[in-house]
Amino acid sequence: MEKIGVGYAYVSDIEKKYVNEALDASRLSQGKMVHRFEKQFAELHSQKYGIACNSGTSALHVGLEALKEKYGVKEDSDAEVLVPAITFIATSNAVMHAGLKPVFVDVDPVTYNINPAEIEKKITAKTIGIIPVHTFGQPCDMDPIMEVAEKHHLWVMEDCAEAHFATYKGKKVGSFGEIAAFSTYVAHTITTGIGGVITTNDRQMMEISRSLIAHGRACTCEVCLASDPTKVCPLRMQTEMDKRFMMVRMGYSYRVGELEGALGLGQLENRDIIMGNRKKNARYLTEHLQDLQEYLQLPAAPDYVDHSYMMYPIVIRKGSSFKREELTHYLEKCNIETRPMLPLLNQPIYKELFGDIEDEYPVAKWIDHNGFYVGCHHGLSKAQLDVIIDSMHKFLAEK
């Protein structure tokens, strides 16, 4: 049997149509396709502005730099940002790339998201913000997080890399904080091949972000971004130097082009198919693995969230007679791809940077050593799901 992977890119005739339109237009750099994708993506997450960039990590980095500029955070301030102790390393790396210090917060043992009850314990006079990560597509418990942030005058930037279209109490993820970062990398729910999207309702944050992804340019208006190549934007020449080539801040080369925008537009049109199949597959796995819950903690979500199921996380329960590696190695032999469940604090580079601090985060430590995930993506067939289910049953029948 073909390998049952954890990720899948669904490319339909719609995506191909838009890509061919971009190719026929002979414009590969950012233009109308990217602009349309940005607007639609933002609207679908209840935000005014979307800024497409080359990765979810870039989206996090730029969002942090925009917040620093807005609030006047100095480079040598030693400011701290709270991040969960379970997340993909890009979250905390972006904090350090922005010249800030990540401070880790232990996670909830059921949702695997930042534990609101642990946040205040980590707040100091140097704390300036919180990054809730909607891990695996499971929305964080945002009400208490926002209450703590308001109480301590902290900004909130949501990491929605894995949680496109997920909702918390009927409200879209990415619409709680001042700014949010999404990933559209190939294995994610909505993909542009490579890429990310920054969303915000704050025009100032939009303009800073748009400038930063393009070398710090002064020109951030939508007229140029969605320009007709036969026309000249009247705003460009109102300054001594053409605003497109006037640099007003230290920026980066984080842009994407029309092919990514075209893919994104097609993905948005197919979002109901993509998201519907993911949720259906996750429900099927949970239904048919229920009898193994003595050994395996399956994903669980409260009634007031709509989980987008970027993947299907599983944690070996404490006291089980086998180790994670025994099960994952067995599954891999059955041609089922597995991945460790976002270990962070025990990464070699983090042990070098922060020391051996894993024991300070008992829930994260349990997940680091016992958590893994398999795919539940929209490309899986019922036969493939049954292979995952049968393989787990066969392994545990021998234990």
Protein backbone atom coordinates (compact mmCIF):
# COMPACT_ATOMS: atom_id res chain seq x y z
CA MET A 1 0.00 0.00 0.00
CA GLU A 2 1.06 3.56 -0.68
CA LYS A 3 2.42 5.43 2.31
CA ILE A 4 -0.34 7.00 4.43
CA GLY A 5 1.12 10.44 4.97
CA VAL A 6 0.31 13.16 7.49
CA GLY A 7 -0.14 15.86 4.85
CA TYR A 8 -1.83 16.33 1.50
CA ALA A 9 -2.15 19.05 -1.11
CA TYR A 10 -5.47 19.04 -2.95
CA VAL A 11 -5.03 20.68 -6.36
CA SER A 12 -8.22 20.76 -8.40
CA ASP A 13 -9.11 22.20 -11.80
CA ILE A 14 -9.97 25.47 -10.04
CA GLU A 15 -6.39 25.98 -8.81
CA LYS A 16 -5.04 25.01 -12.24
CA LYS A 17 -7.36 27.51 -13.92
CA TYR A 18 -6.14 30.38 -11.74
CA VAL A 19 -2.49 29.39 -12.13
CA ASN A 20 -2.88 29.36 -15.91
CA GLU A 21 -4.54 32.78 -15.77
CA ALA A 22 -1.53 34.08 -13.84
CA LEU A 23 0.86 32.56 -16.37
CA ASP A 24 -1.12 33.98 -19.29
CA ALA A 25 -1.00 37.43 -17.69
CA SER A 26 2.82 37.28 -17.82
CA ARG A 27 3.11 38.65 -14.29
CA LEU A 28 4.71 36.41 -11.70
CA SER A 29 5.52 39.02 -9.05
CA GLN A 30 2.81 40.13 -6.63
CA GLY A 31 -0.29 41.48 -8.33
CA LYS A 32 -4.04 40.98 -8.63
CA MET A 33 -4.08 37.28 -7.69
CA VAL A 34 -2.21 37.85 -4.43
CA HIS A 35 -4.35 40.89 -3.65
CA ARG A 36 -7.60 38.95 -4.16
CA PHE A 37 -6.32 36.05 -2.07
CA GLU A 38 -5.31 38.40 0.77
CA LYS A 39 -8.70 40.10 0.86
CA GLN A 40 -10.71 36.88 0.73
CA PHE A 41 -8.55 35.14 3.33
CA ALA A 42 -8.87 38.09 5.71
CA GLU A 43 -12.64 38.34 5.24
CA LEU A 44 -13.06 34.62 5.93
CA HIS A 45 -11.33 35.22 9.28
CA SER A 46 -13.38 38.33 10.11
CA GLN A 47 -10.48 40.73 9.53
CA LYS A 48 -10.09 43.81 7.33
CA TYR A 49 -6.55 43.24 6.10
CA GLY A 50 -4.53 40.28 4.87
CA ILE A 51 -0.84 40.39 4.00
CA ALA A 52 0.53 37.37 2.14
CA CYS A 53 4.15 36.44 2.80
CA ASN A 54 6.51 33.56 2.15
CA SER A 55 5.90 31.46 5.30
CA GLY A 56 4.01 31.23 8.56
CA THR A 57 7.31 31.87 10.34
CA SER A 58 7.74 35.11 8.39
CA ALA A 59 4.16 36.04 9.31
CA LEU A 60 5.01 35.58 13.00
CA HIS A 61 8.27 37.51 12.70
CA VAL A 62 6.70 40.43 10.84
CA GLY A 63 3.74 40.52 13.23
CA LEU A 64 6.10 40.80 16.17
CA GLU A 65 8.15 43.52 14.49
CA ALA A 66 4.95 45.44 13.72
CA LEU A 67 3.87 45.21 17.36
CA LYS A 68 7.30 46.40 18.48
CA GLU A 69 7.08 49.43 16.23
CA LYS A 70 3.53 50.27 17.23
CA TYR A 71 4.30 50.13 20.94
CA GLY A 72 7.81 51.57 20.78
CA VAL A 73 9.60 48.49 22.12
CA LYS A 74 13.34 49.13 22.00
CA GLU A 75 15.79 46.56 20.66
CA ASP A 76 17.64 46.26 23.97
CA SER A 77 14.57 46.21 26.22
CA ASP A 78 14.84 42.50 27.18
CA ALA A 79 11.06 42.34 26.71
CA GLU A 80 9.36 38.98 27.25
CA VAL A 81 6.63 37.24 25.26
CA LEU A 82 4.68 34.28 26.64
CA VAL A 83 4.48 31.22 24.39
CA PRO A 84 3.19 27.68 25.00
CA ALA A 85 5.65 24.95 25.96
CA ILE A 86 4.18 22.77 23.18
CA THR A 87 4.29 24.34 19.71
CA PHE A 88 6.24 24.11 16.51
CA ILE A 89 9.62 25.72 17.08
CA ALA A 90 8.82 28.55 14.65
CA THR A 91 6.65 30.29 17.27
CA SER A 92 9.38 30.84 19.83
CA ASN A 93 12.09 31.20 17.18
CA ALA A 94 10.18 34.15 15.70
CA VAL A 95 10.16 35.79 19.14
CA MET A 96 13.95 35.55 19.25
CA HIS A 97 14.31 36.66 15.63
CA ALA A 98 12.43 39.80 16.67
CA GLY A 99 14.94 40.43 19.47
CA LEU A 100 12.52 39.43 22.23
CA LYS A 101 12.70 36.73 24.91
CA PRO A 102 10.29 33.76 24.84
CA VAL A 103 8.94 32.70 28.23
CA PHE A 104 7.30 29.28 28.21
CA VAL A 105 3.93 28.42 29.73
CA ASP A 106 2.78 24.85 30.35
CA VAL A 107 -0.15 23.53 28.35
CA ASP A 108 -3.55 22.01 29.02
CA PRO A 109 -3.36 18.18 29.23
CA VAL A 110 -6.46 17.68 27.04
CA THR A 111 -6.34 20.42 24.38
CA TYR A 112 -2.50 20.73 24.34
CA ASN A 113 -2.91 24.51 24.08
CA ILE A 114 -1.46 27.13 26.41
CA ASN A 115 -3.07 26.71 29.83
CA PRO A 116 -4.80 29.97 30.84
CA ALA A 117 -4.44 29.04 34.52
CA GLU A 118 -0.63 29.03 34.15
CA ILE A 119 -0.24 32.34 32.30
CA GLU A 120 -0.28 34.78 35.23
CA LYS A 121 2.44 32.80 37.00
CA LYS A 122 4.81 33.71 34.17
CA ILE A 123 4.02 37.42 33.89
CA THR A 124 6.77 39.80 35.02
CA ALA A 125 7.42 43.51 34.69
CA LYS A 126 9.12 42.72 31.37
CA THR A 127 6.18 40.84 29.83
CA ILE A 128 4.69 42.66 26.84
CA GLY A 129 2.58 40.06 25.05
CA ILE A 130 1.12 36.57 24.67
CA ILE A 131 1.12 34.28 21.64
CA PRO A 132 -1.68 31.71 21.97
CA VAL A 133 -1.12 28.89 19.46
CA HIS A 134 -4.20 27.06 18.20
CA THR A 135 -2.36 23.75 18.18
CA PHE A 136 -3.32 21.05 15.65
CA GLY A 137 -6.37 23.15 14.68
CA GLN A 138 -7.82 23.22 18.21
CA PRO A 139 -8.75 26.80 19.23
CA CYS A 140 -7.30 28.03 22.52
CA ASP A 141 -9.57 28.97 25.42
CA MET A 142 -9.52 32.62 24.37
CA ASP A 143 -11.86 34.26 26.92
CA PRO A 144 -9.57 33.81 29.96
CA ILE A 145 -6.49 34.54 27.82
CA MET A 146 -7.94 37.86 26.68
CA GLU A 147 -9.00 38.68 30.26
CA VAL A 148 -5.44 38.15 31.55
CA ALA A 149 -4.02 40.17 28.65
CA GLU A 150 -6.38 43.08 29.34
CA LYS A 151 -5.72 42.95 33.08
CA HIS A 152 -1.95 43.18 32.58
CA HIS A 153 -2.03 45.45 29.49
CA LEU A 154 -0.48 42.86 27.19
CA TRP A 155 -0.97 42.54 23.45
CA VAL A 156 -2.09 39.24 21.93
CA MET A 157 -0.86 37.81 18.63
CA GLU A 158 -2.52 34.57 17.61
CA ASP A 159 -0.52 31.79 15.95
CA CYS A 160 -3.13 30.24 13.66
CA ALA A 161 -0.68 28.31 11.47
CA GLU A 162 -2.63 25.07 11.91
CA ALA A 163 -6.15 26.40 12.47
CA HIS A 164 -7.62 27.93 9.31
CA PHE A 165 -11.35 28.67 9.74
CA ALA A 166 -11.54 27.20 13.26
CA THR A 167 -13.91 28.99 15.64
CA TYR A 168 -14.15 29.62 19.38
CA LYS A 169 -17.68 30.30 20.62
CA GLY A 170 -18.69 31.17 17.08
CA LYS A 171 -15.81 33.61 16.51
CA LYS A 172 -13.04 32.92 14.01
CA VAL A 173 -9.52 32.30 15.26
CA GLY A 174 -7.29 35.18 14.26
CA SER A 175 -9.93 37.74 15.23
CA PHE A 176 -9.17 37.99 18.97
CA GLY A 177 -5.74 39.58 19.13
CA GLU A 178 -4.31 42.64 17.42
CA ILE A 179 -2.69 40.56 14.72
CA ALA A 180 -2.53 36.91 13.66
CA ALA A 181 -0.21 34.68 11.66
CA PHE A 182 -1.28 31.77 9.43
CA SER A 183 0.77 29.27 7.43
CA THR A 184 -0.12 28.11 3.92
CA TYR A 185 2.78 25.68 3.60
CA VAL A 186 2.16 22.60 1.47
CA ALA A 187 1.06 20.25 4.28
CA HIS A 188 -1.38 22.71 5.81
CA THR A 189 -5.15 22.81 5.38
CA ILE A 190 -5.11 25.70 2.90
CA THR A 191 -1.92 25.73 0.86
CA THR A 192 -0.18 28.02 -1.57
CA GLY A 193 2.78 25.65 -1.83
CA ILE A 194 4.88 27.88 0.37
CA GLY A 195 3.51 30.89 2.19
CA GLY A 196 1.81 32.53 5.11
CA VAL A 197 -0.73 35.24 5.81
CA ILE A 198 -0.81 38.03 8.38
CA THR A 199 -4.29 39.28 9.32
CA THR A 200 -5.34 42.33 11.32
CA ASN A 201 -8.06 44.95 11.71
CA ASP A 202 -5.49 47.64 12.49
CA ARG A 203 -4.53 49.75 9.47
CA GLN A 204 -1.25 50.86 11.09
CA MET A 205 -0.27 47.23 11.69
CA MET A 206 -1.18 46.38 8.10
CA GLU A 207 0.96 49.17 6.68
CA ILE A 208 3.96 48.30 8.86
CA SER A 209 3.65 44.61 7.97
CA ARG A 210 3.28 45.27 4.27
CA SER A 211 6.34 47.51 4.35
CA LEU A 212 8.43 44.98 6.29
CA ILE A 213 7.81 42.08 3.90
CA ALA A 214 9.06 44.24 1.00
CA HIS A 215 12.43 45.54 2.24
CA GLY A 216 10.85 48.33 4.32
CA ARG A 217 9.22 50.17 1.42
CA ALA A 218 7.29 53.36 1.97
CA CYS A 219 4.63 52.33 -0.56
CA THR A 220 1.99 50.08 1.03
CA CYS A 221 -1.18 51.22 -0.76
CA GLU A 222 -3.49 48.73 -2.44
CA VAL A 223 -3.46 50.70 -5.69
CA CYS A 224 0.09 49.54 -6.43
CA LEU A 225 -0.37 46.06 -4.99
CA ALA A 226 -3.26 45.23 -7.30
CA SER A 227 -2.06 47.47 -10.06
CA ASP A 228 -2.97 47.41 -13.68
CA PRO A 229 0.48 47.35 -15.34
CA THR A 230 -0.79 49.81 -17.95
CA LYS A 231 -1.47 52.48 -15.32
CA VAL A 232 0.68 54.50 -12.96
CA CYS A 233 -0.41 54.93 -9.32
CA PRO A 234 -0.88 58.69 -8.71
CA LEU A 235 0.50 58.37 -5.17
CA ARG A 236 3.89 57.10 -6.29
CA MET A 237 5.33 60.41 -7.46
CA GLN A 238 4.02 62.68 -4.69
CA THR A 239 7.36 62.46 -2.90
CA GLU A 240 10.87 63.37 -3.96
CA MET A 241 11.61 59.69 -4.59
CA ASP A 242 9.24 57.13 -6.15
CA LYS A 243 7.57 55.67 -3.04
CA ARG A 244 7.95 52.11 -4.33
CA PHE A 245 11.70 52.48 -4.01
CA MET A 246 11.83 54.61 -0.87
CA MET A 247 12.82 52.51 2.15
CA VAL A 248 11.63 53.82 5.52
CA ARG A 249 12.50 50.91 7.82
CA MET A 250 14.75 47.86 7.94
CA GLY A 251 12.73 45.21 6.15
CA TYR A 252 12.96 41.74 4.64
CA SER A 253 12.33 39.94 1.37
CA TYR A 254 9.30 37.93 2.49
CA ARG A 255 6.94 38.37 -0.46
CA VAL A 256 5.11 35.78 -2.56
CA GLY A 257 4.08 35.94 -6.21
CA GLU A 258 1.06 35.44 -8.42
CA LEU A 259 1.37 31.65 -8.64
CA GLU A 260 1.01 31.38 -4.86
CA GLY A 261 -1.90 33.82 -4.96
CA ALA A 262 -3.58 31.78 -7.70
CA LEU A 263 -3.21 28.53 -5.75
CA GLY A 264 -4.59 30.25 -2.66
CA LEU A 265 -7.68 31.52 -4.48
CA GLY A 266 -8.49 28.03 -5.68
CA GLN A 267 -7.96 26.60 -2.20
CA LEU A 268 -10.37 29.11 -0.70
CA GLU A 269 -13.02 28.10 -3.22
CA ASN A 270 -12.47 24.46 -2.22
CA ARG A 271 -12.39 25.14 1.51
CA ASP A 272 -15.70 23.39 2.27
CA ILE A 273 -14.47 20.17 0.65
CA ILE A 274 -11.09 20.39 2.37
CA MET A 275 -12.38 21.21 5.84
CA GLY A 276 -15.42 18.94 5.65
CA ASN A 277 -13.35 15.88 4.75
CA ARG A 278 -10.78 16.57 7.48
CA LYS A 279 -13.47 16.77 10.15
CA LYS A 280 -15.23 13.68 8.83
CA ASN A 281 -11.98 11.70 8.85
CA ALA A 282 -11.14 12.81 12.39
CA ARG A 283 -14.60 11.77 13.60
CA TYR A 284 -14.18 8.37 11.91
CA LEU A 285 -10.82 7.76 13.60
CA THR A 286 -12.16 8.76 17.01
CA GLU A 287 -15.25 6.59 16.63
CA HIS A 288 -13.22 3.51 15.74
CA LEU A 289 -10.41 4.03 18.26
CA GLN A 290 -12.70 4.60 21.26
CA ASP A 291 -12.07 1.13 22.64
CA LEU A 292 -8.34 1.91 22.92
CA GLN A 293 -8.73 4.89 25.23
CA GLU A 294 -7.36 2.92 28.16
CA TYR A 295 -3.99 3.30 26.42
CA LEU A 296 -4.39 6.25 24.05
CA GLN A 297 -5.62 9.77 24.72
CA LEU A 298 -7.52 10.78 21.60
CA PRO A 299 -8.20 14.39 20.57
CA ALA A 300 -11.10 16.03 22.38
CA ALA A 301 -12.64 19.45 21.88
CA PRO A 302 -15.26 21.30 23.95
CA ASP A 303 -18.65 21.91 22.34
CA TYR A 304 -17.97 25.62 21.91
CA VAL A 305 -15.04 25.19 19.49
CA ASP A 306 -14.94 24.11 15.87
CA HIS A 307 -11.70 22.13 15.48
CA SER A 308 -10.07 22.27 12.01
CA TYR A 309 -7.98 19.07 12.49
CA MET A 310 -4.69 19.96 10.91
CA MET A 311 -3.66 16.49 12.06
CA TYR A 312 -4.82 13.78 14.48
CA PRO A 313 -2.85 13.96 17.78
CA ILE A 314 -2.56 11.00 20.15
CA VAL A 315 -0.79 10.73 23.50
CA ILE A 316 0.17 7.46 25.24
CA ARG A 317 -1.52 7.47 28.64
CA LYS A 318 0.55 7.37 31.79
CA GLY A 319 1.05 3.86 33.13
CA SER A 320 0.83 2.15 29.72
CA SER A 321 3.07 -0.90 29.30
CA PHE A 322 4.65 0.30 26.06
CA LYS A 323 6.57 3.32 24.86
CA ARG A 324 5.59 5.73 22.12
CA GLU A 325 8.47 4.59 19.94
CA GLU A 326 7.24 1.00 20.00
CA LEU A 327 3.86 2.06 18.60
CA THR A 328 5.16 4.62 16.12
CA HIS A 329 7.82 2.23 14.78
CA TYR A 330 5.12 -0.40 14.32
CA LEU A 331 2.89 2.06 12.47
CA GLU A 332 5.77 3.13 10.24
CA LYS A 333 6.37 -0.54 9.35
CA CYS A 334 2.71 -0.60 8.33
CA ASN A 335 3.48 2.34 6.00
CA ILE A 336 1.68 4.84 8.24
CA GLU A 337 3.62 8.06 8.67
CA THR A 338 3.87 9.42 12.22
CA ARG A 339 5.39 12.58 13.63
CA PRO A 340 6.34 13.52 17.21
CA MET A 341 3.86 15.91 18.76
CA LEU A 342 5.70 19.25 18.49
CA PRO A 343 8.47 18.71 21.05
CA LEU A 344 10.05 22.04 21.94
CA LEU A 345 11.83 22.30 25.28
CA ASN A 346 13.82 19.11 24.71
CA GLN A 347 15.12 20.21 21.30
CA PRO A 348 18.95 20.16 21.32
CA ILE A 349 19.22 23.83 20.37
CA TYR A 350 16.77 24.87 23.10
CA LYS A 351 18.58 22.84 25.74
CA GLU A 352 21.68 24.73 24.66
CA LEU A 353 19.91 28.11 24.81
CA PHE A 354 17.67 27.68 27.87
CA GLY A 355 19.15 24.75 29.75
CA ASP A 356 17.43 21.52 30.77
CA ILE A 357 14.10 23.07 31.86
CA GLU A 358 11.70 20.37 30.72
CA ASP A 359 10.92 19.23 34.30
CA GLU A 360 9.45 22.68 35.01
CA TYR A 361 6.67 21.93 32.51
CA PRO A 362 5.24 18.52 33.49
CA VAL A 363 2.38 18.42 30.98
CA ALA A 364 4.64 19.47 28.12
CA LYS A 365 7.20 16.87 29.22
CA TRP A 366 4.58 14.12 29.19
CA ILE A 367 3.55 15.14 25.66
CA ASP A 368 7.18 15.50 24.51
CA HIS A 369 7.87 11.87 25.34
CA ASN A 370 4.47 10.28 24.67
CA GLY A 371 2.73 12.33 21.99
CA PHE A 372 2.60 11.74 18.24
CA TYR A 373 0.22 12.33 15.39
CA VAL A 374 -1.06 10.67 12.25
CA GLY A 375 -2.87 12.15 9.27
CA CYS A 376 -6.59 12.83 9.05
CA HIS A 377 -6.32 15.02 5.97
CA HIS A 378 -8.79 15.44 3.15
CA GLY A 379 -6.84 13.12 0.83
CA LEU A 380 -7.31 9.97 2.92
CA SER A 381 -9.69 7.24 1.79
CA LYS A 382 -11.82 5.12 4.11
CA ALA A 383 -9.54 2.18 3.29
CA GLN A 384 -6.50 4.14 4.47
CA LEU A 385 -8.26 5.22 7.65
CA ASP A 386 -9.14 1.58 8.29
CA VAL A 387 -5.46 0.63 7.93
CA ILE A 388 -4.57 3.16 10.66
CA ILE A 389 -7.35 1.84 12.90
CA ASP A 390 -6.57 -1.85 12.31
CA SER A 391 -2.83 -1.35 12.81
CA MET A 392 -3.33 0.29 16.19
CA HIS A 393 -5.66 -2.50 17.27
CA LYS A 394 -3.20 -5.17 16.17
CA PHE A 395 -0.35 -3.52 18.04
CA LEU A 396 -2.31 -3.19 21.27
CA ALA A 397 -3.71 -6.71 21.04
CA GLU A 398 -0.17 -7.93 21.67
CA LYS A 399 0.32 -5.71 24.76
